[in-house]
């Protein structure tokens, strides 16, 4: 195991814009760190730089006590699991998992023992003689992870490993990867654009935007205390509502310099007619345990998303309703999109 330290990391391709714009980040030994952000924000590029698959334009990457900028990928002590699995189709599962050790000239017995141990952890011992074409997507991903485990890396790197799986299997694999981290106690860095994966898996999350880290912290802390509008809007599903500060929110504190309000869909309450914020229902989605309604604000261009417990809603499309935001759950942002202290 090892910590990973990124200092002033920049990446720019020849005659192109900067992809990574000065990232400073410390990942603790044994931590499960998630890089999350929209497509094109630079998170996968940064991971490839840690792995040694991309050159660093400026800055230093430390893995443990070594600067690894000029260290070849195979000698960095990092193992990467790709979105595409990257399995050799002509090899069995066991051969795929043990291939790196075989290339390194390790004894056959050691290779076999390492493969069997990894297969037991991943519960795929019954698949060791099969070829990749005979496996499901989830089984192939386990093999790809097993290939990383047998190398006993200091750091595991996961680049959107679940994006090719269906929704139910993604949930299952999230649980499996979390269990794997707990069992191995290894340092893991996980890249995803799926904020649900980030919130449910990470010890801490680094939120990326345009090649920069917007905020780093524990999932619940980022959700409850976002540092700016980008983080507030990216984490959470459905997304946070943003309203102009000129729109009065009854009972909400009004700190100096507020330019916009942020209210999460679950932070609204229904109130009696003529109270609170007047709105009109545009669409209702019943999702089993909750209902999500989309509403327009009377006399404003603002649109709201409201999440309520199933059974709490008695409104149909086109009907008026009145809403109140719970005061201690209202966020305030200044003109630059920064969170204003004491607003939430």
C-alpha atoms as a PDB file:
ATOM      1  CA  UNK A   1       0.000   0.000   0.000  1.00  0.00           C
ATOM      2  CA  UNK A   2       1.057   3.598  -0.512  1.00  0.00           C
ATOM      3  CA  UNK A   3      -0.141   7.165  -0.479  1.00  0.00           C
ATOM      4  CA  UNK A   4      -0.308   9.159  -3.724  1.00  0.00           C
ATOM      5  CA  UNK A   5       0.609  12.842  -3.825  1.00  0.00           C
ATOM      6  CA  UNK A   6      -0.011  15.136  -6.791  1.00  0.00           C
ATOM      7  CA  UNK A   7       1.774  18.497  -6.761  1.00  0.00           C
ATOM      8  CA  UNK A   8       1.097  21.197  -9.357  1.00  0.00           C
ATOM      9  CA  UNK A   9       0.123  18.662 -12.034  1.00  0.00           C
ATOM     10  CA  UNK A  10      -0.474  20.082 -15.499  1.00  0.00           C
ATOM     11  CA  UNK A  11      -1.117  18.449 -18.852  1.00  0.00           C
ATOM     12  CA  UNK A  12      -1.084  20.138 -22.233  1.00  0.00           C
ATOM     13  CA  UNK A  13      -0.859  18.483 -25.612  1.00  0.00           C
ATOM     14  CA  UNK A  14       1.194  20.193 -28.311  1.00  0.00           C
ATOM     15  CA  UNK A  15      -0.490  23.404 -29.525  1.00  0.00           C
ATOM     16  CA  UNK A  16      -3.642  22.492 -27.623  1.00  0.00           C
ATOM     17  CA  UNK A  17      -5.368  23.815 -24.488  1.00  0.00           C
ATOM     18  CA  UNK A  18      -4.409  22.687 -21.003  1.00  0.00           C
ATOM     19  CA  UNK A  19      -6.269  19.512 -20.044  1.00  0.00           C
ATOM     20  CA  UNK A  20      -5.095  19.473 -16.410  1.00  0.00           C
ATOM     21  CA  UNK A  21      -4.640  22.923 -14.863  1.00  0.00           C
ATOM     22  CA  UNK A  22      -2.580  22.673 -11.700  1.00  0.00           C
ATOM     23  CA  UNK A  23      -3.907  19.833  -9.551  1.00  0.00           C
ATOM     24  CA  UNK A  24      -2.705  19.455  -5.957  1.00  0.00           C
ATOM     25  CA  UNK A  25      -4.123  16.417  -4.210  1.00  0.00           C
ATOM     26  CA  UNK A  26      -3.030  14.019  -1.455  1.00  0.00           C
ATOM     27  CA  UNK A  27      -4.526  10.513  -1.434  1.00  0.00           C
ATOM     28  CA  UNK A  28      -4.008   8.680   1.823  1.00  0.00           C
ATOM     29  CA  UNK A  29      -2.549   5.217   2.247  1.00  0.00           C
ATOM     30  CA  UNK A  30      -5.432   2.722   2.104  1.00  0.00           C
ATOM     31  CA  UNK A  31      -7.996   5.317   1.001  1.00  0.00           C
ATOM     32  CA  UNK A  32     -10.731   4.816  -1.592  1.00  0.00           C
ATOM     33  CA  UNK A  33     -10.594   8.110  -3.514  1.00  0.00           C
ATOM     34  CA  UNK A  34     -13.106   8.843  -6.275  1.00  0.00           C
ATOM     35  CA  UNK A  35     -12.464  11.286  -9.113  1.00  0.00           C
ATOM     36  CA  UNK A  36     -15.849  12.499 -10.347  1.00  0.00           C
ATOM     37  CA  UNK A  37     -16.901  15.083 -12.897  1.00  0.00           C
ATOM     38  CA  UNK A  38     -18.541  15.524 -16.298  1.00  0.00           C
ATOM     39  CA  UNK A  39     -17.105  14.034 -19.477  1.00  0.00           C
ATOM     40  CA  UNK A  40     -14.036  15.909 -20.661  1.00  0.00           C
ATOM     41  CA  UNK A  41     -13.120  17.375 -17.255  1.00  0.00           C
ATOM     42  CA  UNK A  42      -9.692  15.674 -17.199  1.00  0.00           C
ATOM     43  CA  UNK A  43     -10.223  13.014 -14.534  1.00  0.00           C
ATOM     44  CA  UNK A  44      -9.294  10.032 -16.760  1.00  0.00           C
ATOM     45  CA  UNK A  45      -6.291  11.899 -18.160  1.00  0.00           C
ATOM     46  CA  UNK A  46      -5.050  12.503 -14.630  1.00  0.00           C
ATOM     47  CA  UNK A  47      -5.438   8.828 -13.755  1.00  0.00           C
ATOM     48  CA  UNK A  48      -3.491   7.818 -16.860  1.00  0.00           C
ATOM     49  CA  UNK A  49      -0.739  10.201 -15.758  1.00  0.00           C
ATOM     50  CA  UNK A  50      -0.613   8.468 -12.365  1.00  0.00           C
ATOM     51  CA  UNK A  51      -0.392   5.108 -14.160  1.00  0.00           C
ATOM     52  CA  UNK A  52       2.388   6.385 -16.439  1.00  0.00           C
ATOM     53  CA  UNK A  53       0.354   6.082 -19.635  1.00  0.00           C
ATOM     54  CA  UNK A  54       0.451   9.870 -20.182  1.00  0.00           C
ATOM     55  CA  UNK A  55       3.411  12.197 -19.685  1.00  0.00           C
ATOM     56  CA  UNK A  56       3.251  15.004 -17.143  1.00  0.00           C
ATOM     57  CA  UNK A  57       3.713  18.491 -18.610  1.00  0.00           C
ATOM     58  CA  UNK A  58       4.502  20.021 -15.196  1.00  0.00           C
ATOM     59  CA  UNK A  59       4.394  19.008 -11.552  1.00  0.00           C
ATOM     60  CA  UNK A  60       5.312  15.876  -9.615  1.00  0.00           C
ATOM     61  CA  UNK A  61       3.568  12.573  -8.918  1.00  0.00           C
ATOM     62  CA  UNK A  62       4.621  10.719  -5.760  1.00  0.00           C
ATOM     63  CA  UNK A  63       3.638   7.101  -5.109  1.00  0.00           C
ATOM     64  CA  UNK A  64       4.816   6.327  -1.619  1.00  0.00           C
ATOM     65  CA  UNK A  65       8.152   8.049  -1.119  1.00  0.00           C
ATOM     66  CA  UNK A  66       9.114   8.031  -4.827  1.00  0.00           C
ATOM     67  CA  UNK A  67       8.705  10.643  -7.530  1.00  0.00           C
ATOM     68  CA  UNK A  68       7.482   8.503 -10.426  1.00  0.00           C
ATOM     69  CA  UNK A  69       7.277  11.012 -13.301  1.00  0.00           C
ATOM     70  CA  UNK A  70      10.038   9.196 -15.186  1.00  0.00           C
ATOM     71  CA  UNK A  71       9.371   5.678 -13.857  1.00  0.00           C
ATOM     72  CA  UNK A  72       7.966   3.206 -16.451  1.00  0.00           C
ATOM     73  CA  UNK A  73       4.328   2.126 -15.851  1.00  0.00           C
ATOM     74  CA  UNK A  74       5.248  -1.451 -14.954  1.00  0.00           C
ATOM     75  CA  UNK A  75       7.562  -0.275 -12.165  1.00  0.00           C
ATOM     76  CA  UNK A  76       5.298   2.293 -10.489  1.00  0.00           C
ATOM     77  CA  UNK A  77       3.492  -0.190  -8.270  1.00  0.00           C
ATOM     78  CA  UNK A  78       0.132   0.744  -9.767  1.00  0.00           C
ATOM     79  CA  UNK A  79      -2.331  -1.579 -11.519  1.00  0.00           C
ATOM     80  CA  UNK A  80      -5.070  -0.179 -13.754  1.00  0.00           C
ATOM     81  CA  UNK A  81      -8.483  -1.670 -14.498  1.00  0.00           C
ATOM     82  CA  UNK A  82      -9.983  -0.329 -17.721  1.00  0.00           C
ATOM     83  CA  UNK A  83     -13.554   0.230 -18.840  1.00  0.00           C
ATOM     84  CA  UNK A  84     -13.043  -2.174 -21.756  1.00  0.00           C
ATOM     85  CA  UNK A  85     -11.704  -5.092 -19.612  1.00  0.00           C
ATOM     86  CA  UNK A  86      -8.830  -5.597 -22.124  1.00  0.00           C
ATOM     87  CA  UNK A  87      -8.759  -9.404 -21.768  1.00  0.00           C
ATOM     88  CA  UNK A  88      -6.894 -11.670 -24.171  1.00  0.00           C
ATOM     89  CA  UNK A  89      -9.639 -13.667 -25.967  1.00  0.00           C
ATOM     90  CA  UNK A  90      -7.438 -16.711 -26.705  1.00  0.00           C
ATOM     91  CA  UNK A  91      -6.412 -17.160 -23.055  1.00  0.00           C
ATOM     92  CA  UNK A  92      -8.356 -18.747 -20.225  1.00  0.00           C
ATOM     93  CA  UNK A  93      -9.379 -16.736 -17.180  1.00  0.00           C
ATOM     94  CA  UNK A  94      -6.455 -18.168 -15.213  1.00  0.00           C
ATOM     95  CA  UNK A  95      -4.010 -17.322 -18.005  1.00  0.00           C
ATOM     96  CA  UNK A  96      -5.344 -13.787 -18.274  1.00  0.00           C
ATOM     97  CA  UNK A  97      -5.031 -13.235 -14.555  1.00  0.00           C
ATOM     98  CA  UNK A  98      -1.518 -14.642 -14.317  1.00  0.00           C
ATOM     99  CA  UNK A  99      -0.092 -13.193 -17.530  1.00  0.00           C
ATOM    100  CA  UNK A 100       1.769 -10.262 -15.937  1.00  0.00           C
ATOM    101  CA  UNK A 101       3.419 -12.569 -13.407  1.00  0.00           C
ATOM    102  CA  UNK A 102       4.378 -14.998 -16.163  1.00  0.00           C
ATOM    103  CA  UNK A 103       5.968 -12.163 -18.154  1.00  0.00           C
ATOM    104  CA  UNK A 104       7.920 -11.194 -15.047  1.00  0.00           C
ATOM    105  CA  UNK A 105       9.394 -14.715 -14.939  1.00  0.00           C
ATOM    106  CA  UNK A 106       7.737 -15.763 -11.686  1.00  0.00           C
ATOM    107  CA  UNK A 107       7.666 -19.515 -10.898  1.00  0.00           C
ATOM    108  CA  UNK A 108       4.602 -21.405 -12.171  1.00  0.00           C
ATOM    109  CA  UNK A 109       3.606 -22.445  -8.656  1.00  0.00           C
ATOM    110  CA  UNK A 110       3.690 -18.852  -7.426  1.00  0.00           C
ATOM    111  CA  UNK A 111       1.614 -17.715 -10.394  1.00  0.00           C
ATOM    112  CA  UNK A 112      -0.967 -20.458  -9.821  1.00  0.00           C
ATOM    113  CA  UNK A 113      -1.222 -19.685  -6.101  1.00  0.00           C
ATOM    114  CA  UNK A 114      -1.621 -15.950  -6.723  1.00  0.00           C
ATOM    115  CA  UNK A 115      -4.305 -16.545  -9.354  1.00  0.00           C
ATOM    116  CA  UNK A 116      -6.208 -18.966  -7.122  1.00  0.00           C
ATOM    117  CA  UNK A 117      -6.061 -16.569  -4.155  1.00  0.00           C
ATOM    118  CA  UNK A 118      -7.405 -13.682  -6.255  1.00  0.00           C
ATOM    119  CA  UNK A 119     -10.097 -15.904  -7.754  1.00  0.00           C
ATOM    120  CA  UNK A 120     -11.271 -16.872  -4.258  1.00  0.00           C
ATOM    121  CA  UNK A 121     -11.499 -13.207  -3.211  1.00  0.00           C
ATOM    122  CA  UNK A 122     -13.560 -12.432  -6.328  1.00  0.00           C
ATOM    123  CA  UNK A 123     -15.575 -15.685  -6.150  1.00  0.00           C
ATOM    124  CA  UNK A 124     -14.640 -16.777  -9.681  1.00  0.00           C
ATOM    125  CA  UNK A 125     -12.697 -20.011  -9.023  1.00  0.00           C
ATOM    126  CA  UNK A 126     -15.265 -21.928 -11.071  1.00  0.00           C
ATOM    127  CA  UNK A 127     -14.475 -19.748 -14.103  1.00  0.00           C
ATOM    128  CA  UNK A 128     -10.681 -20.221 -14.245  1.00  0.00           C
ATOM    129  CA  UNK A 129     -10.744 -22.602 -17.238  1.00  0.00           C
ATOM    130  CA  UNK A 130     -13.175 -20.565 -19.340  1.00  0.00           C
ATOM    131  CA  UNK A 131     -12.362 -18.138 -22.140  1.00  0.00           C
ATOM    132  CA  UNK A 132     -13.570 -14.502 -21.966  1.00  0.00           C
ATOM    133  CA  UNK A 133     -16.207 -15.058 -24.672  1.00  0.00           C
ATOM    134  CA  UNK A 134     -18.001 -17.480 -22.332  1.00  0.00           C
ATOM    135  CA  UNK A 135     -18.300 -14.886 -19.560  1.00  0.00           C
ATOM    136  CA  UNK A 136     -20.892 -12.246 -18.752  1.00  0.00           C
ATOM    137  CA  UNK A 137     -19.924  -8.591 -18.507  1.00  0.00           C
ATOM    138  CA  UNK A 138     -19.756  -8.731 -14.723  1.00  0.00           C
ATOM    139  CA  UNK A 139     -17.593 -11.857 -14.811  1.00  0.00           C
ATOM    140  CA  UNK A 140     -15.205 -10.252 -17.293  1.00  0.00           C
ATOM    141  CA  UNK A 141     -14.867  -7.248 -15.024  1.00  0.00           C
ATOM    142  CA  UNK A 142     -14.014  -9.531 -12.097  1.00  0.00           C
ATOM    143  CA  UNK A 143     -11.304 -11.162 -14.204  1.00  0.00           C
ATOM    144  CA  UNK A 144      -9.869  -7.747 -15.077  1.00  0.00           C
ATOM    145  CA  UNK A 145      -9.832  -6.851 -11.379  1.00  0.00           C
ATOM    146  CA  UNK A 146      -8.273 -10.219 -10.546  1.00  0.00           C
ATOM    147  CA  UNK A 147      -5.482  -9.553 -13.035  1.00  0.00           C
ATOM    148  CA  UNK A 148      -4.704  -6.395 -11.065  1.00  0.00           C
ATOM    149  CA  UNK A 149      -4.893  -8.139  -7.672  1.00  0.00           C
ATOM    150  CA  UNK A 150      -2.299 -10.814  -8.513  1.00  0.00           C
ATOM    151  CA  UNK A 151       0.287  -8.096  -9.126  1.00  0.00           C
ATOM    152  CA  UNK A 152      -0.100  -6.937  -5.495  1.00  0.00           C
ATOM    153  CA  UNK A 153       0.135  -3.264  -6.466  1.00  0.00           C
ATOM    154  CA  UNK A 154       0.612  -0.402  -4.054  1.00  0.00           C
ATOM    155  CA  UNK A 155      -2.242   1.433  -5.789  1.00  0.00           C
ATOM    156  CA  UNK A 156      -5.291   0.235  -7.737  1.00  0.00           C
ATOM    157  CA  UNK A 157      -6.557   2.517 -10.514  1.00  0.00           C
ATOM    158  CA  UNK A 158     -10.106   2.035 -11.814  1.00  0.00           C
ATOM    159  CA  UNK A 159     -11.112   3.948 -14.963  1.00  0.00           C
ATOM    160  CA  UNK A 160     -14.936   3.883 -15.218  1.00  0.00           C
ATOM    161  CA  UNK A 161     -14.934   0.080 -14.788  1.00  0.00           C
ATOM    162  CA  UNK A 162     -18.716  -0.310 -14.482  1.00  0.00           C
ATOM    163  CA  UNK A 163     -19.941   1.858 -17.338  1.00  0.00           C
ATOM    164  CA  UNK A 164     -20.434  -1.094 -19.710  1.00  0.00           C
ATOM    165  CA  UNK A 165     -22.680  -2.976 -17.279  1.00  0.00           C
ATOM    166  CA  UNK A 166     -26.452  -2.774 -16.953  1.00  0.00           C
ATOM    167  CA  UNK A 167     -27.994  -0.892 -14.028  1.00  0.00           C
ATOM    168  CA  UNK A 168     -28.629  -3.888 -11.757  1.00  0.00           C
ATOM    169  CA  UNK A 169     -25.143  -5.295 -12.294  1.00  0.00           C
ATOM    170  CA  UNK A 170     -23.554  -1.888 -11.627  1.00  0.00           C
ATOM    171  CA  UNK A 171     -25.200  -1.840  -8.204  1.00  0.00           C
ATOM    172  CA  UNK A 172     -23.931  -5.355  -7.476  1.00  0.00           C
ATOM    173  CA  UNK A 173     -20.398  -4.509  -8.603  1.00  0.00           C
ATOM    174  CA  UNK A 174     -20.369  -1.333  -6.484  1.00  0.00           C
ATOM    175  CA  UNK A 175     -20.987  -3.536  -3.463  1.00  0.00           C
ATOM    176  CA  UNK A 176     -18.298  -6.001  -4.599  1.00  0.00           C
ATOM    177  CA  UNK A 177     -15.672  -3.296  -5.101  1.00  0.00           C
ATOM    178  CA  UNK A 178     -16.438  -1.746  -1.724  1.00  0.00           C
ATOM    179  CA  UNK A 179     -16.069  -5.178  -0.107  1.00  0.00           C
ATOM    180  CA  UNK A 180     -12.829  -5.754  -2.013  1.00  0.00           C
ATOM    181  CA  UNK A 181     -11.374  -2.488  -0.734  1.00  0.00           C
ATOM    182  CA  UNK A 182     -12.297  -3.410   2.816  1.00  0.00           C
ATOM    183  CA  UNK A 183     -10.668  -6.847   2.500  1.00  0.00           C
ATOM    184  CA  UNK A 184      -7.467  -5.708   0.786  1.00  0.00           C
ATOM    185  CA  UNK A 185      -7.044  -2.399   2.602  1.00  0.00           C
ATOM    186  CA  UNK A 186      -5.313  -1.076  -0.525  1.00  0.00           C
ATOM    187  CA  UNK A 187      -5.130   2.463  -1.871  1.00  0.00           C
ATOM    188  CA  UNK A 188      -7.721   2.756  -4.642  1.00  0.00           C
ATOM    189  CA  UNK A 189      -8.427   5.606  -7.057  1.00  0.00           C
ATOM    190  CA  UNK A 190     -11.676   5.331  -8.969  1.00  0.00           C
ATOM    191  CA  UNK A 191     -12.745   7.492 -11.919  1.00  0.00           C
ATOM    192  CA  UNK A 192     -16.413   7.934 -12.774  1.00  0.00           C
ATOM    193  CA  UNK A 193     -18.856  10.490 -14.180  1.00  0.00           C
ATOM    194  CA  UNK A 194     -21.647   8.835 -12.187  1.00  0.00           C
ATOM    195  CA  UNK A 195     -22.200  10.835  -9.006  1.00  0.00           C
ATOM    196  CA  UNK A 196     -24.178   7.941  -7.474  1.00  0.00           C
ATOM    197  CA  UNK A 197     -21.090   5.723  -7.709  1.00  0.00           C
ATOM    198  CA  UNK A 198     -19.014   8.495  -6.188  1.00  0.00           C
ATOM    199  CA  UNK A 199     -21.387   9.084  -3.276  1.00  0.00           C
ATOM    200  CA  UNK A 200     -21.807   5.401  -2.397  1.00  0.00           C
ATOM    201  CA  UNK A 201     -18.235   4.133  -2.821  1.00  0.00           C
ATOM    202  CA  UNK A 202     -15.686   6.791  -1.939  1.00  0.00           C
ATOM    203  CA  UNK A 203     -14.045   7.508   1.407  1.00  0.00           C
ATOM    204  CA  UNK A 204     -13.480  10.918  -0.150  1.00  0.00           C
ATOM    205  CA  UNK A 205     -14.446  12.507  -3.462  1.00  0.00           C
ATOM    206  CA  UNK A 206     -12.479  14.919  -5.646  1.00  0.00           C
ATOM    207  CA  UNK A 207     -14.903  16.846  -7.878  1.00  0.00           C
ATOM    208  CA  UNK A 208     -13.303  17.880 -11.192  1.00  0.00           C
ATOM    209  CA  UNK A 209     -14.333  20.586 -13.622  1.00  0.00           C
ATOM    210  CA  UNK A 210     -12.359  21.851 -16.622  1.00  0.00           C
ATOM    211  CA  UNK A 211      -9.108  20.263 -15.486  1.00  0.00           C
ATOM    212  CA  UNK A 212      -9.260  21.573 -11.931  1.00  0.00           C
ATOM    213  CA  UNK A 213     -10.329  20.140  -8.576  1.00  0.00           C
ATOM    214  CA  UNK A 214     -13.329  22.128  -7.382  1.00  0.00           C
ATOM    215  CA  UNK A 215     -13.595  20.503  -3.958  1.00  0.00           C
ATOM    216  CA  UNK A 216     -12.373  17.467  -2.019  1.00  0.00           C
ATOM    217  CA  UNK A 217     -14.113  15.868   0.927  1.00  0.00           C
ATOM    218  CA  UNK A 218     -16.218  13.061   2.325  1.00  0.00           C
ATOM    219  CA  UNK A 219     -19.364  12.356   0.278  1.00  0.00           C
ATOM    220  CA  UNK A 220     -21.941  13.571   2.808  1.00  0.00           C
ATOM    221  CA  UNK A 221     -19.874  16.659   3.632  1.00  0.00           C
ATOM    222  CA  UNK A 222     -19.737  17.658  -0.043  1.00  0.00           C
ATOM    223  CA  UNK A 223     -23.443  17.025  -0.433  1.00  0.00           C
ATOM    224  CA  UNK A 224     -24.399  19.075   2.620  1.00  0.00           C
ATOM    225  CA  UNK A 225     -21.762  21.785   2.351  1.00  0.00           C
ATOM    226  CA  UNK A 226     -20.799  22.295  -1.310  1.00  0.00           C
ATOM    227  CA  UNK A 227     -18.139  24.932  -1.812  1.00  0.00           C
ATOM    228  CA  UNK A 228     -19.665  26.373  -4.972  1.00  0.00           C
ATOM    229  CA  UNK A 229     -22.541  26.108  -7.416  1.00  0.00           C
ATOM    230  CA  UNK A 230     -20.787  23.576  -9.616  1.00  0.00           C
ATOM    231  CA  UNK A 231     -20.297  21.057  -6.815  1.00  0.00           C
ATOM    232  CA  UNK A 232     -23.795  21.744  -5.485  1.00  0.00           C
ATOM    233  CA  UNK A 233     -25.344  21.131  -8.892  1.00  0.00           C
ATOM    234  CA  UNK A 234     -23.251  18.106  -9.821  1.00  0.00           C
ATOM    235  CA  UNK A 235     -23.748  16.033  -6.679  1.00  0.00           C
ATOM    236  CA  UNK A 236     -27.300  14.901  -6.079  1.00  0.00           C
ATOM    237  CA  UNK A 237     -30.039  13.379  -8.209  1.00  0.00           C
ATOM    238  CA  UNK A 238     -32.296  15.069  -9.139  1.00  0.00           C
ATOM    239  CA  UNK A 239     -30.003  18.087  -9.225  1.00  0.00           C
ATOM    240  CA  UNK A 240     -30.218  21.053  -6.875  1.00  0.00           C
ATOM    241  CA  UNK A 241     -32.609  23.878  -7.800  1.00  0.00           C
ATOM    242  CA  UNK A 242     -30.999  27.278  -8.368  1.00  0.00           C
ATOM    243  CA  UNK A 243     -33.106  30.397  -7.994  1.00  0.00           C
ATOM    244  CA  UNK A 244     -32.282  34.072  -8.370  1.00  0.00           C
ATOM    245  CA  UNK A 245     -31.795  35.875  -5.070  1.00  0.00           C
ATOM    246  CA  UNK A 246     -34.572  38.307  -6.027  1.00  0.00           C
ATOM    247  CA  UNK A 247     -36.990  35.435  -5.476  1.00  0.00           C
ATOM    248  CA  UNK A 248     -38.032  35.602  -1.859  1.00  0.00           C
ATOM    249  CA  UNK A 249     -37.810  32.379   0.134  1.00  0.00           C
ATOM    250  CA  UNK A 250     -39.919  32.760   3.269  1.00  0.00           C
ATOM    251  CA  UNK A 251     -38.023  32.167   6.552  1.00  0.00           C
ATOM    252  CA  UNK A 252     -34.690  31.650   4.752  1.00  0.00           C
ATOM    253  CA  UNK A 253     -31.697  33.654   6.044  1.00  0.00           C
ATOM    254  CA  UNK A 254     -30.400  36.270   3.615  1.00  0.00           C
ATOM    255  CA  UNK A 255     -26.622  36.708   3.983  1.00  0.00           C
ATOM    256  CA  UNK A 256     -24.893  39.760   2.461  1.00  0.00           C
ATOM    257  CA  UNK A 257     -23.824  39.319  -1.160  1.00  0.00           C
ATOM    258  CA  UNK A 258     -26.208  36.512  -2.048  1.00  0.00           C
ATOM    259  CA  UNK A 259     -26.801  36.272  -5.821  1.00  0.00           C
ATOM    260  CA  UNK A 260     -28.608  32.920  -5.999  1.00  0.00           C
ATOM    261  CA  UNK A 261     -30.308  30.358  -3.800  1.00  0.00           C
ATOM    262  CA  UNK A 262     -29.800  26.611  -3.931  1.00  0.00           C
ATOM    263  CA  UNK A 263     -32.488  24.223  -2.697  1.00  0.00           C
ATOM    264  CA  UNK A 264     -32.291  20.449  -3.076  1.00  0.00           C
ATOM    265  CA  UNK A 265     -35.445  18.709  -4.348  1.00  0.00           C
ATOM    266  CA  UNK A 266     -35.970  16.927  -1.019  1.00  0.00           C
ATOM    267  CA  UNK A 267     -35.688  20.202   0.942  1.00  0.00           C
ATOM    268  CA  UNK A 268     -39.125  21.481  -0.143  1.00  0.00           C
ATOM    269  CA  UNK A 269     -42.280  21.125   1.939  1.00  0.00           C
ATOM    270  CA  UNK A 270     -45.889  21.518   0.886  1.00  0.00           C
ATOM    271  CA  UNK A 271     -47.737  24.315   2.705  1.00  0.00           C
ATOM    272  CA  UNK A 272     -51.251  25.668   2.686  1.00  0.00           C
ATOM    273  CA  UNK A 273     -52.772  27.739  -0.085  1.00  0.00           C
ATOM    274  CA  UNK A 274     -51.462  31.287  -0.198  1.00  0.00           C
ATOM    275  CA  UNK A 275     -48.405  30.467   1.907  1.00  0.00           C
ATOM    276  CA  UNK A 276     -44.834  30.032   0.760  1.00  0.00           C
ATOM    277  CA  UNK A 277     -43.804  30.051  -2.890  1.00  0.00           C
ATOM    278  CA  UNK A 278     -46.587  29.781  -5.487  1.00  0.00           C
ATOM    279  CA  UNK A 279     -45.944  27.257  -8.279  1.00  0.00           C
ATOM    280  CA  UNK A 280     -47.792  25.172 -10.843  1.00  0.00           C
ATOM    281  CA  UNK A 281     -47.273  21.451 -11.493  1.00  0.00           C
ATOM    282  CA  UNK A 282     -45.896  20.664 -14.952  1.00  0.00           C
ATOM    283  CA  UNK A 283     -45.127  16.932 -14.585  1.00  0.00           C
ATOM    284  CA  UNK A 284     -45.238  14.249 -11.881  1.00  0.00           C
ATOM    285  CA  UNK A 285     -43.096  11.110 -11.785  1.00  0.00           C
ATOM    286  CA  UNK A 286     -44.062   8.364  -9.334  1.00  0.00           C
ATOM    287  CA  UNK A 287     -40.952   6.345  -8.459  1.00  0.00           C
ATOM    288  CA  UNK A 288     -42.326   3.940  -5.879  1.00  0.00           C
ATOM    289  CA  UNK A 289     -41.001   5.282  -2.586  1.00  0.00           C
ATOM    290  CA  UNK A 290     -41.009   8.921  -3.708  1.00  0.00           C
ATOM    291  CA  UNK A 291     -42.707  11.230  -6.181  1.00  0.00           C
ATOM    292  CA  UNK A 292     -40.727  13.779  -8.197  1.00  0.00           C
ATOM    293  CA  UNK A 293     -42.625  16.750  -9.527  1.00  0.00           C
ATOM    294  CA  UNK A 294     -41.510  19.453 -11.904  1.00  0.00           C
ATOM    295  CA  UNK A 295     -43.134  22.834 -11.398  1.00  0.00           C
ATOM    296  CA  UNK A 296     -42.974  26.372 -12.738  1.00  0.00           C
ATOM    297  CA  UNK A 297     -42.859  29.321 -10.341  1.00  0.00           C
ATOM    298  CA  UNK A 298     -45.717  31.778 -10.687  1.00  0.00           C
ATOM    299  CA  UNK A 299     -44.602  35.036 -12.287  1.00  0.00           C
ATOM    300  CA  UNK A 300     -41.016  33.806 -12.761  1.00  0.00           C
ATOM    301  CA  UNK A 301     -38.989  31.948 -15.380  1.00  0.00           C
ATOM    302  CA  UNK A 302     -37.763  29.623 -12.618  1.00  0.00           C
ATOM    303  CA  UNK A 303     -38.537  25.903 -12.690  1.00  0.00           C
ATOM    304  CA  UNK A 304     -38.389  23.641  -9.666  1.00  0.00           C
ATOM    305  CA  UNK A 305     -37.795  19.947  -9.036  1.00  0.00           C
ATOM    306  CA  UNK A 306     -39.436  18.708  -5.862  1.00  0.00           C
ATOM    307  CA  UNK A 307     -39.002  15.274  -4.261  1.00  0.00           C
ATOM    308  CA  UNK A 308     -41.676  14.153  -1.811  1.00  0.00           C
ATOM    309  CA  UNK A 309     -42.446  10.882  -0.023  1.00  0.00           C
ATOM    310  CA  UNK A 310     -44.917   8.725  -1.904  1.00  0.00           C
ATOM    311  CA  UNK A 311     -48.409   9.598  -0.767  1.00  0.00           C
ATOM    312  CA  UNK A 312     -47.546  13.149   0.269  1.00  0.00           C
ATOM    313  CA  UNK A 313     -48.491  14.544  -3.131  1.00  0.00           C
ATOM    314  CA  UNK A 314     -52.142  15.124  -4.044  1.00  0.00           C
ATOM    315  CA  UNK A 315     -51.595  17.334  -7.081  1.00  0.00           C
ATOM    316  CA  UNK A 316     -52.047  16.664 -10.788  1.00  0.00           C
ATOM    317  CA  UNK A 317     -50.474  18.321 -13.809  1.00  0.00           C
ATOM    318  CA  UNK A 318     -51.629  21.915 -14.195  1.00  0.00           C
ATOM    319  CA  UNK A 319     -52.680  22.374 -10.584  1.00  0.00           C
ATOM    320  CA  UNK A 320     -51.261  25.107  -8.322  1.00  0.00           C
ATOM    321  CA  UNK A 321     -49.274  24.307  -5.191  1.00  0.00           C
ATOM    322  CA  UNK A 322     -47.423  26.243  -2.506  1.00  0.00           C
ATOM    323  CA  UNK A 323     -43.931  25.330  -1.346  1.00  0.00           C
ATOM    324  CA  UNK A 324     -41.647  26.201   1.541  1.00  0.00           C
ATOM    325  CA  UNK A 325     -37.914  25.496   1.623  1.00  0.00           C
ATOM    326  CA  UNK A 326     -36.685  24.301   5.006  1.00  0.00           C
ATOM    327  CA  UNK A 327     -34.573  27.288   6.173  1.00  0.00           C
ATOM    328  CA  UNK A 328     -31.632  25.248   7.480  1.00  0.00           C
ATOM    329  CA  UNK A 329     -31.342  23.476   4.114  1.00  0.00           C
ATOM    330  CA  UNK A 330     -31.178  26.573   1.880  1.00  0.00           C
ATOM    331  CA  UNK A 331     -27.784  27.325   0.295  1.00  0.00           C
ATOM    332  CA  UNK A 332     -26.662  30.776  -0.807  1.00  0.00           C
ATOM    333  CA  UNK A 333     -24.086  31.610  -3.476  1.00  0.00           C
ATOM    334  CA  UNK A 334     -22.416  34.879  -4.441  1.00  0.00           C
ATOM    335  CA  UNK A 335     -22.087  36.335  -7.963  1.00  0.00           C
ATOM    336  CA  UNK A 336     -19.013  34.142  -8.633  1.00  0.00           C
ATOM    337  CA  UNK A 337     -20.889  30.987  -7.634  1.00  0.00           C
ATOM    338  CA  UNK A 338     -19.054  30.554  -4.324  1.00  0.00           C
ATOM    339  CA  UNK A 339     -20.916  29.289  -1.293  1.00  0.00           C
ATOM    340  CA  UNK A 340     -21.542  31.958   1.324  1.00  0.00           C
ATOM    341  CA  UNK A 341     -20.640  30.786   4.833  1.00  0.00           C
ATOM    342  CA  UNK A 342     -23.508  30.449   7.208  1.00  0.00           C
ATOM    343  CA  UNK A 343     -26.110  30.302   4.437  1.00  0.00           C
ATOM    344  CA  UNK A 344     -26.876  26.630   4.759  1.00  0.00           C
END
